[in-house]
């Protein structure tokens, strides 16, 4: 019985560990930076993902925010 109580208390203390509250995910920040990069062409009015097949002729890197501010809209094929 003592063994069960000790196991129970140990598992409860692990749930409320202050170390878990300190750990913050880094990945969402990196993904947000990666997602903000889009590509435009010299003549088109759409912005694209880097691997879109519509970027064969030209591929100019910009941010999604800048592309939208300059009147570009999202490509319907790659849907960035």
PDB file of N, CA and C in Angstrom:
ATOM      1  N   UNK A   1       0.818  -1.203   0.000  1.00  0.00           N
ATOM      2  CA  UNK A   1       0.000   0.000   0.000  1.00  0.00           C
ATOM      3  C   UNK A   1       0.863   1.270   0.000  1.00  0.00           C
ATOM      4  N   UNK A   2       1.943   1.240   0.779  1.00  0.00           N
ATOM      5  CA  UNK A   2       2.842   2.394   0.819  1.00  0.00           C
ATOM      6  C   UNK A   2       3.466   2.633  -0.550  1.00  0.00           C
ATOM      7  N   UNK A   3       3.784   1.549  -1.224  1.00  0.00           N
ATOM      8  CA  UNK A   3       4.394   1.658  -2.544  1.00  0.00           C
ATOM      9  C   UNK A   3       3.442   2.353  -3.520  1.00  0.00           C
ATOM     10  N   UNK A   4       2.160   2.024  -3.487  1.00  0.00           N
ATOM     11  CA  UNK A   4       1.169   2.653  -4.363  1.00  0.00           C
ATOM     12  C   UNK A   4       1.019   4.139  -4.065  1.00  0.00           C
ATOM     13  N   UNK A   5       1.059   4.468  -2.803  1.00  0.00           N
ATOM     14  CA  UNK A   5       0.928   5.882  -2.412  1.00  0.00           C
ATOM     15  C   UNK A   5       2.148   6.666  -2.908  1.00  0.00           C
ATOM     16  N   UNK A   6       3.335   6.081  -2.760  1.00  0.00           N
ATOM     17  CA  UNK A   6       4.546   6.754  -3.212  1.00  0.00           C
ATOM     18  C   UNK A   6       4.521   6.947  -4.727  1.00  0.00           C
ATOM     19  N   UNK A   7       4.112   5.927  -5.454  1.00  0.00           N
ATOM     20  CA  UNK A   7       4.020   6.031  -6.920  1.00  0.00           C
ATOM     21  C   UNK A   7       3.002   7.089  -7.312  1.00  0.00           C
ATOM     22  N   UNK A   8       1.862   7.102  -6.624  1.00  0.00           N
ATOM     23  CA  UNK A   8       0.818   8.086  -6.910  1.00  0.00           C
ATOM     24  C   UNK A   8       1.327   9.509  -6.666  1.00  0.00           C
ATOM     25  N   UNK A   9       1.975   9.721  -5.526  1.00  0.00           N
ATOM     26  CA  UNK A   9       2.476  11.061  -5.205  1.00  0.00           C
ATOM     27  C   UNK A   9       3.584  11.488  -6.173  1.00  0.00           C
ATOM     28  N   UNK A  10       4.414  10.558  -6.571  1.00  0.00           N
ATOM     29  CA  UNK A  10       5.476  10.884  -7.517  1.00  0.00           C
ATOM     30  C   UNK A  10       4.902  11.286  -8.867  1.00  0.00           C
ATOM     31  N   UNK A  11       3.878  10.572  -9.312  1.00  0.00           N
ATOM     32  CA  UNK A  11       3.273  10.912 -10.600  1.00  0.00           C
ATOM     33  C   UNK A  11       2.530  12.239 -10.535  1.00  0.00           C
ATOM     34  N   UNK A  12       1.905  12.538  -9.416  1.00  0.00           N
ATOM     35  CA  UNK A  12       1.226  13.834  -9.249  1.00  0.00           C
ATOM     36  C   UNK A  12       2.252  14.969  -9.259  1.00  0.00           C
ATOM     37  N   UNK A  13       3.365  14.779  -8.576  1.00  0.00           N
ATOM     38  CA  UNK A  13       4.373  15.844  -8.522  1.00  0.00           C
ATOM     39  C   UNK A  13       4.976  16.105  -9.897  1.00  0.00           C
ATOM     40  N   UNK A  14       5.034  15.078 -10.738  1.00  0.00           N
ATOM     41  CA  UNK A  14       5.558  15.264 -12.093  1.00  0.00           C
ATOM     42  C   UNK A  14       4.604  16.094 -12.939  1.00  0.00           C
ATOM     43  N   UNK A  15       3.312  16.002 -12.670  1.00  0.00           N
ATOM     44  CA  UNK A  15       2.334  16.777 -13.425  1.00  0.00           C
ATOM     45  C   UNK A  15       2.440  18.268 -13.137  1.00  0.00           C
ATOM     46  N   UNK A  16       2.834  18.609 -11.947  1.00  0.00           N
ATOM     47  CA  UNK A  16       2.887  20.003 -11.536  1.00  0.00           C
ATOM     48  C   UNK A  16       4.312  20.507 -11.382  1.00  0.00           C
ATOM     49  N   UNK A  17       5.215  19.976 -12.151  1.00  0.00           N
ATOM     50  CA  UNK A  17       6.614  20.350 -12.081  1.00  0.00           C
ATOM     51  C   UNK A  17       6.815  21.765 -12.615  1.00  0.00           C
ATOM     52  N   UNK A  18       7.502  22.625 -11.860  1.00  0.00           N
ATOM     53  CA  UNK A  18       7.745  23.986 -12.349  1.00  0.00           C
ATOM     54  C   UNK A  18       8.660  24.021 -13.573  1.00  0.00           C
ATOM     55  N   UNK A  19       9.463  22.992 -13.773  1.00  0.00           N
ATOM     56  CA  UNK A  19      10.345  22.960 -14.938  1.00  0.00           C
ATOM     57  C   UNK A  19       9.543  22.917 -16.237  1.00  0.00           C
ATOM     58  N   UNK A  20       8.393  22.288 -16.222  1.00  0.00           N
ATOM     59  CA  UNK A  20       7.572  22.213 -17.420  1.00  0.00           C
ATOM     60  C   UNK A  20       7.013  23.576 -17.798  1.00  0.00           C
ATOM     61  N   UNK A  21       6.766  24.410 -16.833  1.00  0.00           N
ATOM     62  CA  UNK A  21       6.228  25.737 -17.113  1.00  0.00           C
ATOM     63  C   UNK A  21       7.278  26.655 -17.738  1.00  0.00           C
ATOM     64  N   UNK A  22       8.556  26.367 -17.501  1.00  0.00           N
ATOM     65  CA  UNK A  22       9.624  27.203 -18.019  1.00  0.00           C
ATOM     66  C   UNK A  22       9.891  26.922 -19.494  1.00  0.00           C
ATOM     67  N   UNK A  23       9.714  25.693 -19.919  1.00  0.00           N
ATOM     68  CA  UNK A  23      10.003  25.305 -21.293  1.00  0.00           C
ATOM     69  C   UNK A  23       8.995  25.946 -22.234  1.00  0.00           C
ATOM     70  N   UNK A  24       9.506  26.683 -23.206  1.00  0.00           N
ATOM     71  CA  UNK A  24       8.647  27.341 -24.187  1.00  0.00           C
ATOM     72  C   UNK A  24       9.005  26.824 -25.573  1.00  0.00           C
ATOM     73  N   UNK A  25       8.010  26.568 -26.405  1.00  0.00           N
ATOM     74  CA  UNK A  25       8.322  26.067 -27.739  1.00  0.00           C
ATOM     75  C   UNK A  25       8.988  27.138 -28.601  1.00  0.00           C
ATOM     76  N   UNK A  26       9.995  26.746 -29.344  1.00  0.00           N
ATOM     77  CA  UNK A  26      10.724  27.664 -30.221  1.00  0.00           C
ATOM     78  C   UNK A  26      10.222  27.527 -31.654  1.00  0.00           C
ATOM     79  N   UNK A  27       9.761  26.381 -32.023  1.00  0.00           N
ATOM     80  CA  UNK A  27       9.392  26.088 -33.397  1.00  0.00           C
ATOM     81  C   UNK A  27       8.328  27.019 -33.991  1.00  0.00           C
ATOM     82  N   UNK A  28       7.246  27.360 -33.271  1.00  0.00           N
ATOM     83  CA  UNK A  28       6.264  28.251 -33.902  1.00  0.00           C
ATOM     84  C   UNK A  28       6.872  29.562 -34.388  1.00  0.00           C
ATOM     85  N   UNK A  29       7.833  30.103 -33.667  1.00  0.00           N
ATOM     86  CA  UNK A  29       8.479  31.335 -34.099  1.00  0.00           C
ATOM     87  C   UNK A  29       9.227  31.110 -35.411  1.00  0.00           C
ATOM     88  N   UNK A  30       9.941  30.004 -35.504  1.00  0.00           N
ATOM     89  CA  UNK A  30      10.687  29.716 -36.727  1.00  0.00           C
ATOM     90  C   UNK A  30       9.762  29.481 -37.903  1.00  0.00           C
ATOM     91  N   UNK A  31       8.636  28.811 -37.675  1.00  0.00           N
ATOM     92  CA  UNK A  31       7.678  28.573 -38.747  1.00  0.00           C
ATOM     93  C   UNK A  31       7.040  29.872 -39.208  1.00  0.00           C
ATOM     94  N   UNK A  32       6.798  30.797 -38.287  1.00  0.00           N
ATOM     95  CA  UNK A  32       6.212  32.074 -38.670  1.00  0.00           C
ATOM     96  C   UNK A  32       7.162  32.836 -39.589  1.00  0.00           C
ATOM     97  N   UNK A  33       8.452  32.781 -39.296  1.00  0.00           N
ATOM     98  CA  UNK A  33       9.427  33.442 -40.154  1.00  0.00           C
ATOM     99  C   UNK A  33       9.461  32.765 -41.512  1.00  0.00           C
ATOM    100  N   UNK A  34       9.461  31.437 -41.531  1.00  0.00           N
ATOM    101  CA  UNK A  34       9.514  30.694 -42.782  1.00  0.00           C
ATOM    102  C   UNK A  34       8.270  30.951 -43.630  1.00  0.00           C
ATOM    103  N   UNK A  35       7.108  31.020 -43.009  1.00  0.00           N
ATOM    104  CA  UNK A  35       5.862  31.219 -43.741  1.00  0.00           C
ATOM    105  C   UNK A  35       5.753  32.618 -44.327  1.00  0.00           C
ATOM    106  N   UNK A  36       6.466  33.586 -43.781  1.00  0.00           N
ATOM    107  CA  UNK A  36       6.333  34.951 -44.274  1.00  0.00           C
ATOM    108  C   UNK A  36       7.050  35.162 -45.605  1.00  0.00           C
ATOM    109  N   UNK A  37       7.922  34.236 -46.000  1.00  0.00           N
ATOM    110  CA  UNK A  37       8.638  34.363 -47.268  1.00  0.00           C
ATOM    111  C   UNK A  37       7.784  33.796 -48.398  1.00  0.00           C
ATOM    112  N   UNK A  38       7.555  34.611 -49.411  1.00  0.00           N
ATOM    113  CA  UNK A  38       6.828  34.187 -50.608  1.00  0.00           C
ATOM    114  C   UNK A  38       7.602  34.675 -51.822  1.00  0.00           C
ATOM    115  N   UNK A  39       7.147  34.272 -53.003  1.00  0.00           N
ATOM    116  CA  UNK A  39       7.835  34.646 -54.234  1.00  0.00           C
ATOM    117  C   UNK A  39       6.844  35.237 -55.218  1.00  0.00           C
ATOM    118  N   UNK A  40       7.320  36.223 -55.964  1.00  0.00           N
ATOM    119  CA  UNK A  40       6.515  36.851 -57.014  1.00  0.00           C
ATOM    120  C   UNK A  40       7.278  36.726 -58.326  1.00  0.00           C
ATOM    121  N   UNK A  41       6.605  37.029 -59.418  1.00  0.00           N
ATOM    122  CA  UNK A  41       7.250  37.006 -60.732  1.00  0.00           C
ATOM    123  C   UNK A  41       7.364  38.428 -61.259  1.00  0.00           C
ATOM    124  N   UNK A  42       8.112  38.610 -62.325  1.00  0.00           N
ATOM    125  CA  UNK A  42       8.285  39.936 -62.923  1.00  0.00           C
ATOM    126  C   UNK A  42       6.979  40.474 -63.499  1.00  0.00           C
ATOM    127  N   UNK A  43       6.154  39.601 -64.043  1.00  0.00           N
ATOM    128  CA  UNK A  43       4.974  40.069 -64.766  1.00  0.00           C
ATOM    129  C   UNK A  43       3.642  39.725 -64.095  1.00  0.00           C
ATOM    130  N   UNK A  44       3.622  38.774 -63.162  1.00  0.00           N
ATOM    131  CA  UNK A  44       2.356  38.333 -62.572  1.00  0.00           C
ATOM    132  C   UNK A  44       1.870  39.203 -61.432  1.00  0.00           C
ATOM    133  N   UNK A  45       0.696  38.902 -60.934  1.00  0.00           N
ATOM    134  CA  UNK A  45       0.107  39.622 -59.805  1.00  0.00           C
ATOM    135  C   UNK A  45      -0.274  38.681 -58.669  1.00  0.00           C
ATOM    136  N   UNK A  46       0.383  37.515 -58.633  1.00  0.00           N
ATOM    137  CA  UNK A  46       0.138  36.528 -57.582  1.00  0.00           C
ATOM    138  C   UNK A  46       1.428  36.288 -56.807  1.00  0.00           C
ATOM    139  N   UNK A  47       1.316  35.899 -55.533  1.00  0.00           N
ATOM    140  CA  UNK A  47       2.492  35.466 -54.787  1.00  0.00           C
ATOM    141  C   UNK A  47       2.396  33.962 -54.574  1.00  0.00           C
ATOM    142  N   UNK A  48       3.562  33.317 -54.463  1.00  0.00           N
ATOM    143  CA  UNK A  48       3.649  31.863 -54.512  1.00  0.00           C
ATOM    144  C   UNK A  48       4.557  31.299 -53.431  1.00  0.00           C
ATOM    145  N   UNK A  49       4.416  29.991 -53.176  1.00  0.00           N
ATOM    146  CA  UNK A  49       5.392  29.247 -52.385  1.00  0.00           C
ATOM    147  C   UNK A  49       6.616  29.025 -53.263  1.00  0.00           C
ATOM    148  N   UNK A  50       7.743  28.725 -52.661  1.00  0.00           N
ATOM    149  CA  UNK A  50       8.983  28.561 -53.394  1.00  0.00           C
ATOM    150  C   UNK A  50       8.989  27.429 -54.398  1.00  0.00           C
ATOM    151  N   UNK A  51       8.156  26.412 -54.188  1.00  0.00           N
ATOM    152  CA  UNK A  51       8.162  25.258 -55.089  1.00  0.00           C
ATOM    153  C   UNK A  51       6.999  25.263 -56.087  1.00  0.00           C
ATOM    154  N   UNK A  52       6.316  26.373 -56.240  1.00  0.00           N
ATOM    155  CA  UNK A  52       5.177  26.453 -57.158  1.00  0.00           C
ATOM    156  C   UNK A  52       5.653  26.351 -58.611  1.00  0.00           C
ATOM    157  N   UNK A  53       4.924  25.592 -59.398  1.00  0.00           N
ATOM    158  CA  UNK A  53       5.313  25.394 -60.801  1.00  0.00           C
ATOM    159  C   UNK A  53       5.125  26.657 -61.649  1.00  0.00           C
ATOM    160  N   UNK A  54       4.396  27.626 -61.165  1.00  0.00           N
ATOM    161  CA  UNK A  54       4.225  28.880 -61.899  1.00  0.00           C
ATOM    162  C   UNK A  54       5.459  29.786 -61.807  1.00  0.00           C
ATOM    163  N   UNK A  55       6.451  29.406 -61.043  1.00  0.00           N
ATOM    164  CA  UNK A  55       7.652  30.239 -60.884  1.00  0.00           C
ATOM    165  C   UNK A  55       8.770  29.823 -61.825  1.00  0.00           C
ATOM    166  N   UNK A  56       8.464  29.300 -62.974  1.00  0.00           N
ATOM    167  CA  UNK A  56       9.500  28.830 -63.907  1.00  0.00           C
ATOM    168  C   UNK A  56      10.281  29.977 -64.539  1.00  0.00           C
ATOM    169  N   UNK A  57       9.624  31.044 -64.904  1.00  0.00           N
ATOM    170  CA  UNK A  57      10.283  32.135 -65.632  1.00  0.00           C
ATOM    171  C   UNK A  57      11.077  33.060 -64.706  1.00  0.00           C
ATOM    172  N   UNK A  58      10.504  33.457 -63.598  1.00  0.00           N
ATOM    173  CA  UNK A  58      11.213  34.333 -62.659  1.00  0.00           C
ATOM    174  C   UNK A  58      10.759  34.000 -61.241  1.00  0.00           C
ATOM    175  N   UNK A  59      11.611  34.335 -60.295  1.00  0.00           N
ATOM    176  CA  UNK A  59      11.339  34.009 -58.892  1.00  0.00           C
ATOM    177  C   UNK A  59      11.983  35.078 -58.020  1.00  0.00           C
ATOM    178  N   UNK A  60      11.170  36.027 -57.565  1.00  0.00           N
ATOM    179  CA  UNK A  60      11.656  37.148 -56.771  1.00  0.00           C
ATOM    180  C   UNK A  60      11.162  36.974 -55.343  1.00  0.00           C
ATOM    181  N   UNK A  61      12.096  36.883 -54.399  1.00  0.00           N
ATOM    182  CA  UNK A  61      11.737  36.674 -52.998  1.00  0.00           C
ATOM    183  C   UNK A  61      11.238  37.968 -52.369  1.00  0.00           C
ATOM    184  N   UNK A  62      10.192  37.845 -51.568  1.00  0.00           N
ATOM    185  CA  UNK A  62       9.639  38.970 -50.815  1.00  0.00           C
ATOM    186  C   UNK A  62       8.919  38.396 -49.593  1.00  0.00           C
ATOM    187  N   UNK A  63       8.305  39.251 -48.825  1.00  0.00           N
ATOM    188  CA  UNK A  63       7.508  38.764 -47.707  1.00  0.00           C
ATOM    189  C   UNK A  63       6.033  38.792 -48.098  1.00  0.00           C
ATOM    190  N   UNK A  64       5.262  37.988 -47.428  1.00  0.00           N
ATOM    191  CA  UNK A  64       3.836  37.944 -47.711  1.00  0.00           C
ATOM    192  C   UNK A  64       3.199  39.311 -47.434  1.00  0.00           C
ATOM    193  N   UNK A  65       3.625  39.937 -46.379  1.00  0.00           N
ATOM    194  CA  UNK A  65       3.092  41.256 -46.016  1.00  0.00           C
ATOM    195  C   UNK A  65       3.370  42.288 -47.106  1.00  0.00           C
ATOM    196  N   UNK A  66       4.589  42.291 -47.631  1.00  0.00           N
ATOM    197  CA  UNK A  66       4.952  43.239 -48.693  1.00  0.00           C
ATOM    198  C   UNK A  66       4.199  42.940 -49.984  1.00  0.00           C
ATOM    199  N   UNK A  67       4.052  41.649 -50.294  1.00  0.00           N
ATOM    200  CA  UNK A  67       3.337  41.267 -51.517  1.00  0.00           C
ATOM    201  C   UNK A  67       1.893  41.750 -51.463  1.00  0.00           C
ATOM    202  N   UNK A  68       1.236  41.547 -50.354  1.00  0.00           N
ATOM    203  CA  UNK A  68      -0.158  41.985 -50.205  1.00  0.00           C
ATOM    204  C   UNK A  68      -0.246  43.502 -50.272  1.00  0.00           C
ATOM    205  N   UNK A  69       0.702  44.187 -49.624  1.00  0.00           N
ATOM    206  CA  UNK A  69       0.712  45.658 -49.644  1.00  0.00           C
ATOM    207  C   UNK A  69       0.897  46.202 -51.058  1.00  0.00           C
ATOM    208  N   UNK A  70       1.571  45.439 -51.921  1.00  0.00           N
ATOM    209  CA  UNK A  70       1.799  45.865 -53.302  1.00  0.00           C
ATOM    210  C   UNK A  70       0.743  45.355 -54.267  1.00  0.00           C
ATOM    211  N   UNK A  71      -0.341  44.814 -53.743  1.00  0.00           N
ATOM    212  CA  UNK A  71      -1.461  44.423 -54.588  1.00  0.00           C
ATOM    213  C   UNK A  71      -1.452  42.992 -55.090  1.00  0.00           C
ATOM    214  N   UNK A  72      -0.495  42.185 -54.645  1.00  0.00           N
ATOM    215  CA  UNK A  72      -0.457  40.778 -55.064  1.00  0.00           C
ATOM    216  C   UNK A  72      -1.488  39.971 -54.275  1.00  0.00           C
ATOM    217  N   UNK A  73      -2.005  38.929 -54.898  1.00  0.00           N
ATOM    218  CA  UNK A  73      -2.937  38.018 -54.245  1.00  0.00           C
ATOM    219  C   UNK A  73      -2.358  36.605 -54.283  1.00  0.00           C
ATOM    220  N   UNK A  74      -2.896  35.707 -53.490  1.00  0.00           N
ATOM    221  CA  UNK A  74      -2.366  34.360 -53.359  1.00  0.00           C
ATOM    222  C   UNK A  74      -2.612  33.526 -54.620  1.00  0.00           C
ATOM    223  N   UNK A  75      -1.658  32.712 -54.962  1.00  0.00           N
ATOM    224  CA  UNK A  75      -1.774  31.776 -56.083  1.00  0.00           C
ATOM    225  C   UNK A  75      -2.802  30.705 -55.727  1.00  0.00           C
ATOM    226  N   UNK A  76      -3.676  30.384 -56.663  1.00  0.00           N
ATOM    227  CA  UNK A  76      -4.691  29.373 -56.383  1.00  0.00           C
ATOM    228  C   UNK A  76      -4.140  27.952 -56.493  1.00  0.00           C
ATOM    229  N   UNK A  77      -2.983  27.788 -57.111  1.00  0.00           N
ATOM    230  CA  UNK A  77      -2.391  26.451 -57.240  1.00  0.00           C
ATOM    231  C   UNK A  77      -1.620  26.061 -55.979  1.00  0.00           C
ATOM    232  N   UNK A  78      -0.694  26.892 -55.532  1.00  0.00           N
ATOM    233  CA  UNK A  78       0.139  26.515 -54.369  1.00  0.00           C
ATOM    234  C   UNK A  78      -0.458  26.996 -53.044  1.00  0.00           C
ATOM    235  N   UNK A  79      -1.365  27.943 -53.078  1.00  0.00           N
ATOM    236  CA  UNK A  79      -2.075  28.435 -51.899  1.00  0.00           C
ATOM    237  C   UNK A  79      -1.138  28.754 -50.730  1.00  0.00           C
ATOM    238  N   UNK A  80      -0.286  29.768 -50.905  1.00  0.00           N
ATOM    239  CA  UNK A  80       0.680  30.105 -49.833  1.00  0.00           C
ATOM    240  C   UNK A  80       0.030  30.702 -48.598  1.00  0.00           C
TER     241      UNK A  80
END
